[in-house]
Amino acid sequence: LRQVAIGYNLPNYMVKALRIVESMNVSLVGRNLLVLMKKTENIDPEATFGSSINYYGIEGTNLPSTRSYGVNVNIKFKK
């Protein structure tokens, strides 16, 4: 599961209190939350292996993809 984002648009009465903001969206983001083939070693579709010949999908000395979480805030200001 590569990326999941769940967002919420703030209601107009909350945004209008800020006076310079037209709209605002807040979202939670998670990346690399689930690995489907956990028992398969050295397989990552985004990894490359080799110096002169690229073997895509095989992990050599690369670190595996890390799980991360974050928050996005999108603000649209009035003109």
PDB file of N, CA and C in Angstrom:
ATOM      1  N   LEU A   1       0.870  -1.163   0.000  1.00  0.00           N
ATOM      2  CA  LEU A   1       0.000   0.000   0.000  1.00  0.00           C
ATOM      3  C   LEU A   1       0.905   1.211   0.000  1.00  0.00           C
ATOM      4  N   ARG A   2       1.016   1.862  -1.140  1.00  0.00           N
ATOM      5  CA  ARG A   2       2.010   2.910  -1.359  1.00  0.00           C
ATOM      6  C   ARG A   2       1.700   4.204  -0.594  1.00  0.00           C
ATOM      7  N   GLN A   3       0.492   4.754  -0.777  1.00  0.00           N
ATOM      8  CA  GLN A   3       0.158   6.012  -0.118  1.00  0.00           C
ATOM      9  C   GLN A   3      -1.340   6.108   0.106  1.00  0.00           C
ATOM     10  N   VAL A   4      -1.720   6.602   1.286  1.00  0.00           N
ATOM     11  CA  VAL A   4      -3.122   6.853   1.626  1.00  0.00           C
ATOM     12  C   VAL A   4      -3.217   8.264   2.189  1.00  0.00           C
ATOM     13  N   ALA A   5      -4.212   9.018   1.709  1.00  0.00           N
ATOM     14  CA  ALA A   5      -4.442  10.369   2.219  1.00  0.00           C
ATOM     15  C   ALA A   5      -5.928  10.525   2.517  1.00  0.00           C
ATOM     16  N   ILE A   6      -6.216  11.030   3.708  1.00  0.00           N
ATOM     17  CA  ILE A   6      -7.596  11.301   4.116  1.00  0.00           C
ATOM     18  C   ILE A   6      -7.666  12.787   4.439  1.00  0.00           C
ATOM     19  N   GLY A   7      -8.529  13.507   3.703  1.00  0.00           N
ATOM     20  CA  GLY A   7      -8.584  14.959   3.859  1.00  0.00           C
ATOM     21  C   GLY A   7      -9.940  15.461   4.308  1.00  0.00           C
ATOM     22  N   TYR A   8      -9.934  16.695   4.798  1.00  0.00           N
ATOM     23  CA  TYR A   8     -11.150  17.346   5.285  1.00  0.00           C
ATOM     24  C   TYR A   8     -11.102  18.813   4.895  1.00  0.00           C
ATOM     25  N   ASN A   9     -12.149  19.299   4.220  1.00  0.00           N
ATOM     26  CA  ASN A   9     -12.287  20.719   3.914  1.00  0.00           C
ATOM     27  C   ASN A   9     -12.950  21.406   5.094  1.00  0.00           C
ATOM     28  N   LEU A  10     -12.297  22.426   5.625  1.00  0.00           N
ATOM     29  CA  LEU A  10     -12.878  23.147   6.745  1.00  0.00           C
ATOM     30  C   LEU A  10     -14.119  23.897   6.296  1.00  0.00           C
ATOM     31  N   PRO A  11     -15.151  23.956   7.142  1.00  0.00           N
ATOM     32  CA  PRO A  11     -16.392  24.661   6.781  1.00  0.00           C
ATOM     33  C   PRO A  11     -16.148  26.156   6.579  1.00  0.00           C
ATOM     34  N   ASN A  12     -17.024  26.781   5.788  1.00  0.00           N
ATOM     35  CA  ASN A  12     -16.875  28.200   5.446  1.00  0.00           C
ATOM     36  C   ASN A  12     -16.875  29.109   6.667  1.00  0.00           C
ATOM     37  N   TYR A  13     -17.709  28.808   7.673  1.00  0.00           N
ATOM     38  CA  TYR A  13     -17.770  29.701   8.836  1.00  0.00           C
ATOM     39  C   TYR A  13     -16.437  29.711   9.598  1.00  0.00           C
ATOM     40  N   MET A  14     -15.690  28.626   9.568  1.00  0.00           N
ATOM     41  CA  MET A  14     -14.385  28.601  10.232  1.00  0.00           C
ATOM     42  C   MET A  14     -13.336  29.354   9.413  1.00  0.00           C
ATOM     43  N   VAL A  15     -13.408  29.203   8.085  1.00  0.00           N
ATOM     44  CA  VAL A  15     -12.436  29.844   7.202  1.00  0.00           C
ATOM     45  C   VAL A  15     -12.672  31.345   7.139  1.00  0.00           C
ATOM     46  N   LYS A  16     -13.940  31.773   7.118  1.00  0.00           N
ATOM     47  CA  LYS A  16     -14.247  33.203   7.032  1.00  0.00           C
ATOM     48  C   LYS A  16     -13.788  33.967   8.266  1.00  0.00           C
ATOM     49  N   ALA A  17     -13.616  33.283   9.390  1.00  0.00           N
ATOM     50  CA  ALA A  17     -13.129  33.945  10.591  1.00  0.00           C
ATOM     51  C   ALA A  17     -11.682  34.403  10.420  1.00  0.00           C
ATOM     52  N   LEU A  18     -10.954  33.791   9.516  1.00  0.00           N
ATOM     53  CA  LEU A  18      -9.560  34.173   9.280  1.00  0.00           C
ATOM     54  C   LEU A  18      -9.426  35.377   8.343  1.00  0.00           C
ATOM     55  N   ARG A  19     -10.466  35.711   7.588  1.00  0.00           N
ATOM     56  CA  ARG A  19     -10.616  36.889   6.728  1.00  0.00           C
ATOM     57  C   ARG A  19      -9.697  36.933   5.510  1.00  0.00           C
ATOM     58  N   ILE A  20      -8.492  36.431   5.571  1.00  0.00           N
ATOM     59  CA  ILE A  20      -7.616  36.465   4.400  1.00  0.00           C
ATOM     60  C   ILE A  20      -7.575  35.114   3.684  1.00  0.00           C
ATOM     61  N   VAL A  21      -8.255  34.127   4.238  1.00  0.00           N
ATOM     62  CA  VAL A  21      -8.238  32.776   3.678  1.00  0.00           C
ATOM     63  C   VAL A  21      -9.561  32.496   2.984  1.00  0.00           C
ATOM     64  N   GLU A  22      -9.487  31.958   1.759  1.00  0.00           N
ATOM     65  CA  GLU A  22     -10.690  31.607   1.004  1.00  0.00           C
ATOM     66  C   GLU A  22     -11.141  30.181   1.293  1.00  0.00           C
ATOM     67  N   SER A  23     -10.187  29.233   1.363  1.00  0.00           N
ATOM     68  CA  SER A  23     -10.516  27.841   1.685  1.00  0.00           C
ATOM     69  C   SER A  23      -9.309  27.166   2.319  1.00  0.00           C
ATOM     70  N   MET A  24      -9.581  26.090   3.078  1.00  0.00           N
ATOM     71  CA  MET A  24      -8.515  25.372   3.758  1.00  0.00           C
ATOM     72  C   MET A  24      -8.856  23.890   3.807  1.00  0.00           C
ATOM     73  N   ASN A  25      -7.840  23.045   3.524  1.00  0.00           N
ATOM     74  CA  ASN A  25      -7.993  21.601   3.572  1.00  0.00           C
ATOM     75  C   ASN A  25      -6.870  21.029   4.421  1.00  0.00           C
ATOM     76  N   VAL A  26      -7.227  20.110   5.314  1.00  0.00           N
ATOM     77  CA  VAL A  26      -6.255  19.431   6.159  1.00  0.00           C
ATOM     78  C   VAL A  26      -6.355  17.943   5.864  1.00  0.00           C
ATOM     79  N   SER A  27      -5.219  17.278   5.655  1.00  0.00           N
ATOM     80  CA  SER A  27      -5.249  15.847   5.366  1.00  0.00           C
ATOM     81  C   SER A  27      -4.122  15.124   6.086  1.00  0.00           C
ATOM     82  N   LEU A  28      -4.395  13.865   6.439  1.00  0.00           N
ATOM     83  CA  LEU A  28      -3.408  12.963   7.026  1.00  0.00           C
ATOM     84  C   LEU A  28      -2.905  12.051   5.919  1.00  0.00           C
ATOM     85  N   VAL A  29      -1.601  11.829   5.870  1.00  0.00           N
ATOM     86  CA  VAL A  29      -0.996  11.030   4.811  1.00  0.00           C
ATOM     87  C   VAL A  29      -0.138   9.941   5.433  1.00  0.00           C
ATOM     88  N   GLY A  30      -0.267   8.725   4.906  1.00  0.00           N
ATOM     89  CA  GLY A  30       0.584   7.611   5.308  1.00  0.00           C
ATOM     90  C   GLY A  30       1.193   6.976   4.075  1.00  0.00           C
ATOM     91  N   ARG A  31       2.500   6.699   4.116  1.00  0.00           N
ATOM     92  CA  ARG A  31       3.194   6.083   2.977  1.00  0.00           C
ATOM     93  C   ARG A  31       3.797   4.748   3.404  1.00  0.00           C
ATOM     94  N   ASN A  32       3.751   3.776   2.476  1.00  0.00           N
ATOM     95  CA  ASN A  32       4.294   2.435   2.700  1.00  0.00           C
ATOM     96  C   ASN A  32       3.708   1.795   3.958  1.00  0.00           C
ATOM     97  N   LEU A  33       2.399   1.791   4.062  1.00  0.00           N
ATOM     98  CA  LEU A  33       1.719   1.286   5.249  1.00  0.00           C
ATOM     99  C   LEU A  33       1.612  -0.230   5.289  1.00  0.00           C
ATOM    100  N   LEU A  34       1.617  -0.886   4.138  1.00  0.00           N
ATOM    101  CA  LEU A  34       1.378  -2.322   4.088  1.00  0.00           C
ATOM    102  C   LEU A  34       2.268  -2.951   3.028  1.00  0.00           C
ATOM    103  N   VAL A  35       2.885  -4.071   3.377  1.00  0.00           N
ATOM    104  CA  VAL A  35       3.675  -4.839   2.427  1.00  0.00           C
ATOM    105  C   VAL A  35       2.900  -6.107   2.126  1.00  0.00           C
ATOM    106  N   LEU A  36       2.563  -6.335   0.849  1.00  0.00           N
ATOM    107  CA  LEU A  36       1.731  -7.479   0.493  1.00  0.00           C
ATOM    108  C   LEU A  36       2.491  -8.799   0.488  1.00  0.00           C
ATOM    109  N   MET A  37       3.729  -8.805   0.017  1.00  0.00           N
ATOM    110  CA  MET A  37       4.508 -10.038  -0.069  1.00  0.00           C
ATOM    111  C   MET A  37       5.650  -9.981   0.938  1.00  0.00           C
ATOM    112  N   LYS A  38       5.352 -10.058   2.215  1.00  0.00           N
ATOM    113  CA  LYS A  38       6.346  -9.871   3.264  1.00  0.00           C
ATOM    114  C   LYS A  38       7.348 -11.031   3.336  1.00  0.00           C
ATOM    115  N   LYS A  39       6.937 -12.243   2.941  1.00  0.00           N
ATOM    116  CA  LYS A  39       7.827 -13.401   3.047  1.00  0.00           C
ATOM    117  C   LYS A  39       8.821 -13.479   1.898  1.00  0.00           C
ATOM    118  N   THR A  40       8.645 -12.670   0.869  1.00  0.00           N
ATOM    119  CA  THR A  40       9.553 -12.676  -0.264  1.00  0.00           C
ATOM    120  C   THR A  40      10.713 -11.735   0.042  1.00  0.00           C
ATOM    121  N   GLU A  41      11.928 -12.274   0.074  1.00  0.00           N
ATOM    122  CA  GLU A  41      13.089 -11.453   0.394  1.00  0.00           C
ATOM    123  C   GLU A  41      13.637 -10.775  -0.852  1.00  0.00           C
ATOM    124  N   ASN A  42      14.188  -9.601  -0.665  1.00  0.00           N
ATOM    125  CA  ASN A  42      14.908  -8.850  -1.701  1.00  0.00           C
ATOM    126  C   ASN A  42      14.055  -8.442  -2.892  1.00  0.00           C
ATOM    127  N   ILE A  43      12.763  -8.256  -2.720  1.00  0.00           N
ATOM    128  CA  ILE A  43      11.921  -7.799  -3.812  1.00  0.00           C
ATOM    129  C   ILE A  43      11.314  -6.454  -3.432  1.00  0.00           C
ATOM    130  N   ASP A  44      11.639  -5.436  -4.195  1.00  0.00           N
ATOM    131  CA  ASP A  44      11.063  -4.108  -4.045  1.00  0.00           C
ATOM    132  C   ASP A  44      10.953  -3.521  -5.442  1.00  0.00           C
ATOM    133  N   PRO A  45       9.733  -3.263  -5.944  1.00  0.00           N
ATOM    134  CA  PRO A  45       9.579  -2.798  -7.317  1.00  0.00           C
ATOM    135  C   PRO A  45      10.252  -1.457  -7.619  1.00  0.00           C
ATOM    136  N   GLU A  46      10.588  -0.691  -6.607  1.00  0.00           N
ATOM    137  CA  GLU A  46      11.223   0.605  -6.833  1.00  0.00           C
ATOM    138  C   GLU A  46      12.735   0.567  -6.679  1.00  0.00           C
ATOM    139  N   ALA A  47      13.287  -0.574  -6.297  1.00  0.00           N
ATOM    140  CA  ALA A  47      14.722  -0.675  -6.065  1.00  0.00           C
ATOM    141  C   ALA A  47      15.444  -1.031  -7.361  1.00  0.00           C
ATOM    142  N   THR A  48      16.721  -0.640  -7.448  1.00  0.00           N
ATOM    143  CA  THR A  48      17.581  -1.055  -8.556  1.00  0.00           C
ATOM    144  C   THR A  48      18.829  -1.688  -7.972  1.00  0.00           C
ATOM    145  N   PHE A  49      19.440  -2.572  -8.733  1.00  0.00           N
ATOM    146  CA  PHE A  49      20.615  -3.286  -8.258  1.00  0.00           C
ATOM    147  C   PHE A  49      21.594  -3.395  -9.413  1.00  0.00           C
ATOM    148  N   GLY A  50      22.841  -3.131  -9.186  1.00  0.00           N
ATOM    149  CA  GLY A  50      23.858  -3.267 -10.210  1.00  0.00           C
ATOM    150  C   GLY A  50      24.424  -1.927 -10.610  1.00  0.00           C
ATOM    151  N   SER A  51      25.670  -1.941 -11.090  1.00  0.00           N
ATOM    152  CA  SER A  51      26.319  -0.689 -11.475  1.00  0.00           C
ATOM    153  C   SER A  51      26.164  -0.414 -12.968  1.00  0.00           C
ATOM    154  N   SER A  52      26.492  -1.397 -13.821  1.00  0.00           N
ATOM    155  CA  SER A  52      26.383  -1.159 -15.258  1.00  0.00           C
ATOM    156  C   SER A  52      25.072  -1.690 -15.824  1.00  0.00           C
ATOM    157  N   ILE A  53      24.519  -2.723 -15.199  1.00  0.00           N
ATOM    158  CA  ILE A  53      23.244  -3.299 -15.632  1.00  0.00           C
ATOM    159  C   ILE A  53      22.247  -3.106 -14.512  1.00  0.00           C
ATOM    160  N   ASN A  54      21.117  -2.513 -14.824  1.00  0.00           N
ATOM    161  CA  ASN A  54      20.098  -2.277 -13.792  1.00  0.00           C
ATOM    162  C   ASN A  54      19.123  -3.440 -13.743  1.00  0.00           C
ATOM    163  N   TYR A  55      18.971  -4.019 -12.578  1.00  0.00           N
ATOM    164  CA  TYR A  55      17.985  -5.061 -12.339  1.00  0.00           C
ATOM    165  C   TYR A  55      16.882  -4.442 -11.491  1.00  0.00           C
ATOM    166  N   TYR A  56      15.803  -4.049 -12.116  1.00  0.00           N
ATOM    167  CA  TYR A  56      14.728  -3.383 -11.391  1.00  0.00           C
ATOM    168  C   TYR A  56      13.930  -4.408 -10.591  1.00  0.00           C
ATOM    169  N   GLY A  57      13.567  -4.051  -9.373  1.00  0.00           N
ATOM    170  CA  GLY A  57      12.756  -4.908  -8.520  1.00  0.00           C
ATOM    171  C   GLY A  57      13.555  -5.786  -7.589  1.00  0.00           C
ATOM    172  N   ILE A  58      14.874  -5.809  -7.710  1.00  0.00           N
ATOM    173  CA  ILE A  58      15.714  -6.631  -6.834  1.00  0.00           C
ATOM    174  C   ILE A  58      16.488  -5.701  -5.906  1.00  0.00           C
ATOM    175  N   GLU A  59      16.375  -5.937  -4.605  1.00  0.00           N
ATOM    176  CA  GLU A  59      17.130  -5.148  -3.636  1.00  0.00           C
ATOM    177  C   GLU A  59      18.526  -5.738  -3.502  1.00  0.00           C
ATOM    178  N   GLY A  60      19.526  -4.919  -3.637  1.00  0.00           N
ATOM    179  CA  GLY A  60      20.896  -5.375  -3.434  1.00  0.00           C
ATOM    180  C   GLY A  60      21.390  -4.850  -2.110  1.00  0.00           C
ATOM    181  N   THR A  61      21.923  -3.664  -2.143  1.00  0.00           N
ATOM    182  CA  THR A  61      22.427  -3.036  -0.926  1.00  0.00           C
ATOM    183  C   THR A  61      21.546  -1.871  -0.506  1.00  0.00           C
ATOM    184  N   ASN A  62      20.424  -1.689  -1.182  1.00  0.00           N
ATOM    185  CA  ASN A  62      19.523  -0.582  -0.839  1.00  0.00           C
ATOM    186  C   ASN A  62      18.761  -0.886   0.442  1.00  0.00           C
ATOM    187  N   LEU A  63      18.411   0.157   1.146  1.00  0.00           N
ATOM    188  CA  LEU A  63      17.551   0.000   2.316  1.00  0.00           C
ATOM    189  C   LEU A  63      16.110  -0.152   1.854  1.00  0.00           C
ATOM    190  N   PRO A  64      15.296  -0.903   2.584  1.00  0.00           N
ATOM    191  CA  PRO A  64      13.889  -1.036   2.195  1.00  0.00           C
ATOM    192  C   PRO A  64      13.142   0.282   2.372  1.00  0.00           C
ATOM    193  N   SER A  65      12.024   0.408   1.678  1.00  0.00           N
ATOM    194  CA  SER A  65      11.205   1.616   1.796  1.00  0.00           C
ATOM    195  C   SER A  65      10.717   1.766   3.227  1.00  0.00           C
ATOM    196  N   THR A  66      10.770   2.982   3.746  1.00  0.00           N
ATOM    197  CA  THR A  66      10.373   3.218   5.128  1.00  0.00           C
ATOM    198  C   THR A  66       8.924   3.668   5.208  1.00  0.00           C
ATOM    199  N   ARG A  67       8.296   3.357   6.307  1.00  0.00           N
ATOM    200  CA  ARG A  67       6.930   3.792   6.575  1.00  0.00           C
ATOM    201  C   ARG A  67       6.994   5.202   7.143  1.00  0.00           C
ATOM    202  N   SER A  68       6.098   6.070   6.668  1.00  0.00           N
ATOM    203  CA  SER A  68       6.085   7.439   7.175  1.00  0.00           C
ATOM    204  C   SER A  68       4.655   7.959   7.259  1.00  0.00           C
ATOM    205  N   TYR A  69       4.472   8.937   8.134  1.00  0.00           N
ATOM    206  CA  TYR A  69       3.180   9.573   8.358  1.00  0.00           C
ATOM    207  C   TYR A  69       3.374  11.080   8.281  1.00  0.00           C
ATOM    208  N   GLY A  70       2.328  11.790   7.855  1.00  0.00           N
ATOM    209  CA  GLY A  70       2.454  13.234   7.773  1.00  0.00           C
ATOM    210  C   GLY A  70       1.108  13.927   7.740  1.00  0.00           C
ATOM    211  N   VAL A  71       1.161  15.246   7.766  1.00  0.00           N
ATOM    212  CA  VAL A  71      -0.020  16.093   7.726  1.00  0.00           C
ATOM    213  C   VAL A  71       0.182  17.118   6.615  1.00  0.00           C
ATOM    214  N   ASN A  72      -0.813  17.270   5.751  1.00  0.00           N
ATOM    215  CA  ASN A  72      -0.797  18.307   4.713  1.00  0.00           C
ATOM    216  C   ASN A  72      -1.832  19.358   5.049  1.00  0.00           C
ATOM    217  N   VAL A  73      -1.467  20.617   4.851  1.00  0.00           N
ATOM    218  CA  VAL A  73      -2.402  21.724   5.025  1.00  0.00           C
ATOM    219  C   VAL A  73      -2.346  22.558   3.753  1.00  0.00           C
ATOM    220  N   ASN A  74      -3.466  22.621   3.036  1.00  0.00           N
ATOM    221  CA  ASN A  74      -3.563  23.412   1.813  1.00  0.00           C
ATOM    222  C   ASN A  74      -4.437  24.634   2.097  1.00  0.00           C
ATOM    223  N   ILE A  75      -3.871  25.815   1.876  1.00  0.00           N
ATOM    224  CA  ILE A  75      -4.571  27.065   2.150  1.00  0.00           C
ATOM    225  C   ILE A  75      -4.662  27.872   0.851  1.00  0.00           C
ATOM    226  N   LYS A  76      -5.857  28.309   0.510  1.00  0.00           N
ATOM    227  CA  LYS A  76      -6.054  29.179  -0.644  1.00  0.00           C
ATOM    228  C   LYS A  76      -6.384  30.573  -0.098  1.00  0.00           C
ATOM    229  N   PHE A  77      -5.525  31.539  -0.396  1.00  0.00           N
ATOM    230  CA  PHE A  77      -5.704  32.897   0.108  1.00  0.00           C
ATOM    231  C   PHE A  77      -6.570  33.715  -0.850  1.00  0.00           C
ATOM    232  N   LYS A  78      -7.245  34.704  -0.312  1.00  0.00           N
ATOM    233  CA  LYS A  78      -8.059  35.613  -1.134  1.00  0.00           C
ATOM    234  C   LYS A  78      -7.137  36.517  -1.938  1.00  0.00           C
ATOM    235  N   LYS A  79      -7.635  36.950  -3.093  1.00  0.00           N
ATOM    236  CA  LYS A  79      -6.836  37.836  -3.956  1.00  0.00           C
ATOM    237  C   LYS A  79      -7.005  39.271  -3.560  1.00  0.00           C
TER     238      LYS A  79
END
